[in-house]
Protein backbone atom coordinates (compact mmCIF):
# COMPACT_ATOMS: atom_id res chain seq x y z
CA UNK A 1 0.01 15.57 5.72
CA UNK A 2 1.14 12.24 7.12
CA UNK A 3 -0.03 8.90 5.83
CA UNK A 4 -0.92 6.46 8.60
CA UNK A 5 -0.70 2.73 8.06
CA UNK A 6 -1.75 0.33 10.79
CA UNK A 7 -0.99 -3.39 10.77
CA UNK A 8 -0.75 -6.44 13.00
CA UNK A 9 -4.40 -7.17 13.66
CA UNK A 10 -5.97 -10.58 13.38
CA UNK A 11 -8.19 -13.20 14.96
CA UNK A 12 -7.17 -14.52 18.36
CA UNK A 13 -8.79 -16.43 21.18
CA UNK A 14 -9.51 -14.79 24.51
CA UNK A 15 -6.34 -14.55 26.54
CA UNK A 16 -4.17 -14.24 23.46
CA UNK A 17 -1.83 -11.45 22.38
CA UNK A 18 -1.23 -9.24 19.37
CA UNK A 19 1.23 -6.47 18.56
CA UNK A 20 -0.03 -3.62 16.42
CA UNK A 21 2.26 -1.37 14.42
CA UNK A 22 1.60 2.12 13.07
CA UNK A 23 3.85 3.70 10.48
CA UNK A 24 3.58 7.44 9.93
CA UNK A 25 5.10 8.75 6.73
CA UNK A 26 5.27 12.12 5.11
CA UNK A 27 6.27 14.39 7.98
CA UNK A 28 8.31 14.73 11.12
CA UNK A 29 7.31 12.24 13.76
CA UNK A 30 9.50 12.50 16.82
CA UNK A 31 8.15 15.78 18.22
CA UNK A 32 4.51 14.68 18.52
CA UNK A 33 2.47 12.80 21.08
CA UNK A 34 0.76 9.78 19.49
CA UNK A 35 -2.16 7.59 20.41
CA UNK A 36 -4.06 4.46 19.57
CA UNK A 37 -7.84 4.50 19.21
CA UNK A 38 -10.39 1.82 18.43
CA UNK A 39 -13.89 1.59 17.05
CA UNK A 40 -16.15 -1.37 17.70
CA UNK A 41 -19.15 -2.08 15.45
CA UNK A 42 -21.95 0.35 16.14
CA UNK A 43 -19.90 2.41 18.59
CA UNK A 44 -17.98 5.66 18.58
CA UNK A 45 -14.24 5.69 18.14
CA UNK A 46 -12.60 5.68 21.57
CA UNK A 47 -9.20 6.41 23.03
CA UNK A 48 -7.03 3.43 23.97
CA UNK A 49 -3.54 4.70 24.84
CA UNK A 50 -1.25 7.65 24.31
CA UNK A 51 2.51 8.19 24.43
CA UNK A 52 4.38 11.47 24.64
CA UNK A 53 7.09 12.48 22.21
CA UNK A 54 9.96 11.15 24.32
CA UNK A 55 8.23 7.84 24.98
CA UNK A 56 8.59 8.33 28.72
CA UNK A 57 5.01 9.18 29.54
CA UNK A 58 2.04 6.97 28.68
CA UNK A 59 -1.65 6.92 29.56
CA UNK A 60 -4.27 4.23 29.07
CA UNK A 61 -8.01 3.83 29.03
CA UNK A 62 -9.19 2.07 32.18
CA UNK A 63 -10.48 -0.82 30.09
CA UNK A 64 -6.99 -1.75 28.85
CA UNK A 65 -4.78 -0.68 31.74
CA UNK A 66 -2.44 -3.46 32.78
CA UNK A 67 -3.03 -5.42 29.58
CA UNK A 68 -1.90 -3.09 26.78
CA UNK A 69 1.44 -1.32 26.37
CA UNK A 70 2.10 1.54 23.95
CA UNK A 71 5.64 2.26 22.75
CA UNK A 72 7.37 4.11 19.93
CA UNK A 73 10.51 4.15 17.82
CA UNK A 74 11.26 7.66 16.63
CA UNK A 75 14.07 6.47 14.38
CA UNK A 76 11.61 4.54 12.20
CA UNK A 77 8.44 6.66 12.67
CA UNK A 78 6.61 3.76 14.31
CA UNK A 79 4.19 3.46 17.21
CA UNK A 80 3.36 0.06 18.68
CA UNK A 81 0.56 -1.37 20.80
CA UNK A 82 1.30 -4.62 22.59
CA UNK A 83 -2.00 -6.20 23.58
CA UNK A 84 -2.02 -9.05 26.07
CA UNK A 85 -4.86 -10.99 27.67
CA UNK A 86 -7.20 -9.94 24.89
CA UNK A 87 -10.93 -10.23 25.58
CA UNK A 88 -13.95 -10.32 23.25
CA UNK A 89 -14.77 -6.73 24.22
CA UNK A 90 -11.45 -5.67 22.67
CA UNK A 91 -12.81 -6.58 19.24
CA UNK A 92 -12.61 -3.44 17.10
CA UNK A 93 -10.77 -1.70 14.31
CA UNK A 94 -7.65 -0.09 15.79
CA UNK A 95 -6.25 3.22 14.52
CA UNK A 96 -3.28 5.41 15.33
CA UNK A 97 -3.12 9.18 15.10
CA UNK A 98 -1.80 12.24 16.87
CA UNK A 99 -2.91 12.37 20.47
CA UNK A 100 -4.46 15.83 20.11
CA UNK A 101 -6.34 17.73 17.44
CA UNK A 102 -5.88 18.69 14.74
CA UNK A 103 -5.19 15.13 13.70
CA UNK A 104 -4.11 13.62 10.44
CA UNK A 105 -6.57 11.94 8.09
CA UNK A 106 -7.38 8.55 9.56
CA UNK A 107 -5.81 5.44 8.09
CA UNK A 108 -7.71 2.27 7.29
CA UNK A 109 -6.99 0.78 10.67
CA UNK A 110 -6.34 -2.85 11.50
CA UNK A 111 -9.06 -5.29 12.55
CA UNK A 112 -8.69 -7.11 15.86
CA UNK A 113 -11.18 -9.89 16.53
CA UNK A 114 -11.15 -11.81 19.81
CA UNK A 115 -13.19 -14.99 20.10
CA UNK A 116 -14.51 -16.25 23.41
């Protein structure tokens, strides 16, 4: 089982940027498709972005398209989420995991709070 550790969240004003990092330890990383998800207070966890194992194919939720960029570094078992032009509706806890089930146990996530 992999251990997932997300970091890079924080408090920013609307229009600001953050870069999230996910480190996956404990198993092979480079052959899997990975994704970022988020969960806002009182809402279900939702998909944000996914990246295939080569890093050459990405998909995004409509709500973040054009503002967020997912990337990966297979040499260091890391997945990144560059978030630009953040808006208050992006406020949530952000998680990484495999893009498809079965997934690993969820990490603690990283809190992103965007003030108006």
